[in-house]
């Protein structure tokens, strides 16, 4: 007897075939990941330094604004990374 999980996985495989990636494709996806991780780290370093400067100067409103900007930039970069990886995955299927 199959478990509910196994049955669900079979139904899912019928709707969306399981795609196995080659080593080259995995490497290309990893390159995209590492590029965006580097961009995120760069933004974090830059903005966290500005946040510390604003905090030491007592500019708490500016500090809050910079923290919001940092969160927004990280979110945008993560979304860009996922979009680029999805586009890359779509090109693998063709």
Protein backbone atom coordinates (compact mmCIF):
# COMPACT_ATOMS: atom_id res chain seq x y z
CA UNK A 1 0.00 0.00 0.00
CA UNK A 2 1.19 3.46 -0.85
CA UNK A 3 1.13 6.29 1.64
CA UNK A 4 -0.81 9.47 1.02
CA UNK A 5 2.52 11.23 0.43
CA UNK A 6 3.54 8.78 -2.30
CA UNK A 7 0.16 9.10 -4.00
CA UNK A 8 0.38 12.89 -3.88
CA UNK A 9 3.89 12.82 -5.34
CA UNK A 10 2.69 10.59 -8.21
CA UNK A 11 -0.15 13.00 -9.00
CA UNK A 12 2.23 15.92 -8.87
CA UNK A 13 4.68 14.18 -11.21
CA UNK A 14 1.89 13.69 -13.74
CA UNK A 15 1.06 17.41 -13.72
CA UNK A 16 4.63 18.68 -13.53
CA UNK A 17 7.30 16.25 -14.65
CA UNK A 18 10.35 16.11 -12.43
CA UNK A 19 13.28 17.83 -14.10
CA UNK A 20 16.78 16.69 -13.29
CA UNK A 21 19.50 19.23 -13.82
CA UNK A 22 22.93 18.57 -15.27
CA UNK A 23 26.06 19.61 -13.39
CA UNK A 24 26.49 22.56 -15.75
CA UNK A 25 22.93 23.75 -15.12
CA UNK A 26 23.41 23.43 -11.36
CA UNK A 27 26.64 25.42 -11.65
CA UNK A 28 24.90 28.18 -13.61
CA UNK A 29 22.17 28.43 -10.96
CA UNK A 30 24.80 28.46 -8.20
CA UNK A 31 26.64 31.27 -10.02
CA UNK A 32 23.46 33.36 -10.06
CA UNK A 33 23.00 32.66 -6.34
CA UNK A 34 26.56 33.63 -5.46
CA UNK A 35 26.38 36.81 -7.56
CA UNK A 36 23.26 37.98 -5.77
CA UNK A 37 24.59 36.96 -2.35
CA UNK A 38 27.62 39.16 -3.05
CA UNK A 39 25.38 42.07 -4.07
CA UNK A 40 23.31 41.66 -0.90
CA UNK A 41 26.45 41.54 1.25
CA UNK A 42 27.75 44.68 -0.44
CA UNK A 43 24.50 46.56 0.27
CA UNK A 44 24.47 45.33 3.86
CA UNK A 45 28.01 46.50 4.49
CA UNK A 46 27.39 49.89 2.96
CA UNK A 47 24.05 50.60 4.60
CA UNK A 48 24.94 49.11 8.00
CA UNK A 49 27.93 51.42 8.11
CA UNK A 50 25.65 54.37 7.38
CA UNK A 51 23.21 53.14 10.05
CA UNK A 52 26.01 53.00 12.64
CA UNK A 53 27.13 56.49 11.64
CA UNK A 54 23.59 57.85 11.97
CA UNK A 55 23.14 56.08 15.30
CA UNK A 56 26.35 57.49 16.74
CA UNK A 57 25.32 60.97 15.56
CA UNK A 58 21.94 60.57 17.25
CA UNK A 59 20.01 60.75 13.98
CA UNK A 60 17.43 58.11 14.82
CA UNK A 61 14.97 59.06 12.08
CA UNK A 62 17.70 58.72 9.47
CA UNK A 63 18.72 55.43 11.06
CA UNK A 64 15.17 54.06 10.75
CA UNK A 65 14.99 55.24 7.15
CA UNK A 66 18.27 53.49 6.34
CA UNK A 67 17.08 50.28 8.01
CA UNK A 68 13.91 50.34 5.91
CA UNK A 69 16.02 50.99 2.80
CA UNK A 70 18.26 48.04 3.69
CA UNK A 71 15.28 45.71 4.11
CA UNK A 72 13.80 46.93 0.83
CA UNK A 73 17.08 46.52 -1.07
CA UNK A 74 17.58 42.99 0.28
CA UNK A 75 14.02 42.01 -0.64
CA UNK A 76 14.41 43.47 -4.14
CA UNK A 77 17.71 41.69 -4.73
CA UNK A 78 16.27 38.38 -3.51
CA UNK A 79 13.30 38.79 -5.85
CA UNK A 80 15.63 39.64 -8.74
CA UNK A 81 17.71 36.55 -7.95
CA UNK A 82 14.66 34.26 -7.94
CA UNK A 83 13.38 35.80 -11.18
CA UNK A 84 16.73 35.28 -12.88
CA UNK A 85 16.93 31.68 -11.65
CA UNK A 86 13.37 30.98 -12.86
CA UNK A 87 14.23 32.41 -16.27
CA UNK A 88 17.33 30.23 -16.36
CA UNK A 89 15.35 27.12 -15.32
CA UNK A 90 12.81 27.85 -18.07
CA UNK A 91 15.62 27.91 -20.62
CA UNK A 92 16.77 24.46 -19.40
CA UNK A 93 13.41 22.87 -20.21
CA UNK A 94 13.45 23.85 -23.89
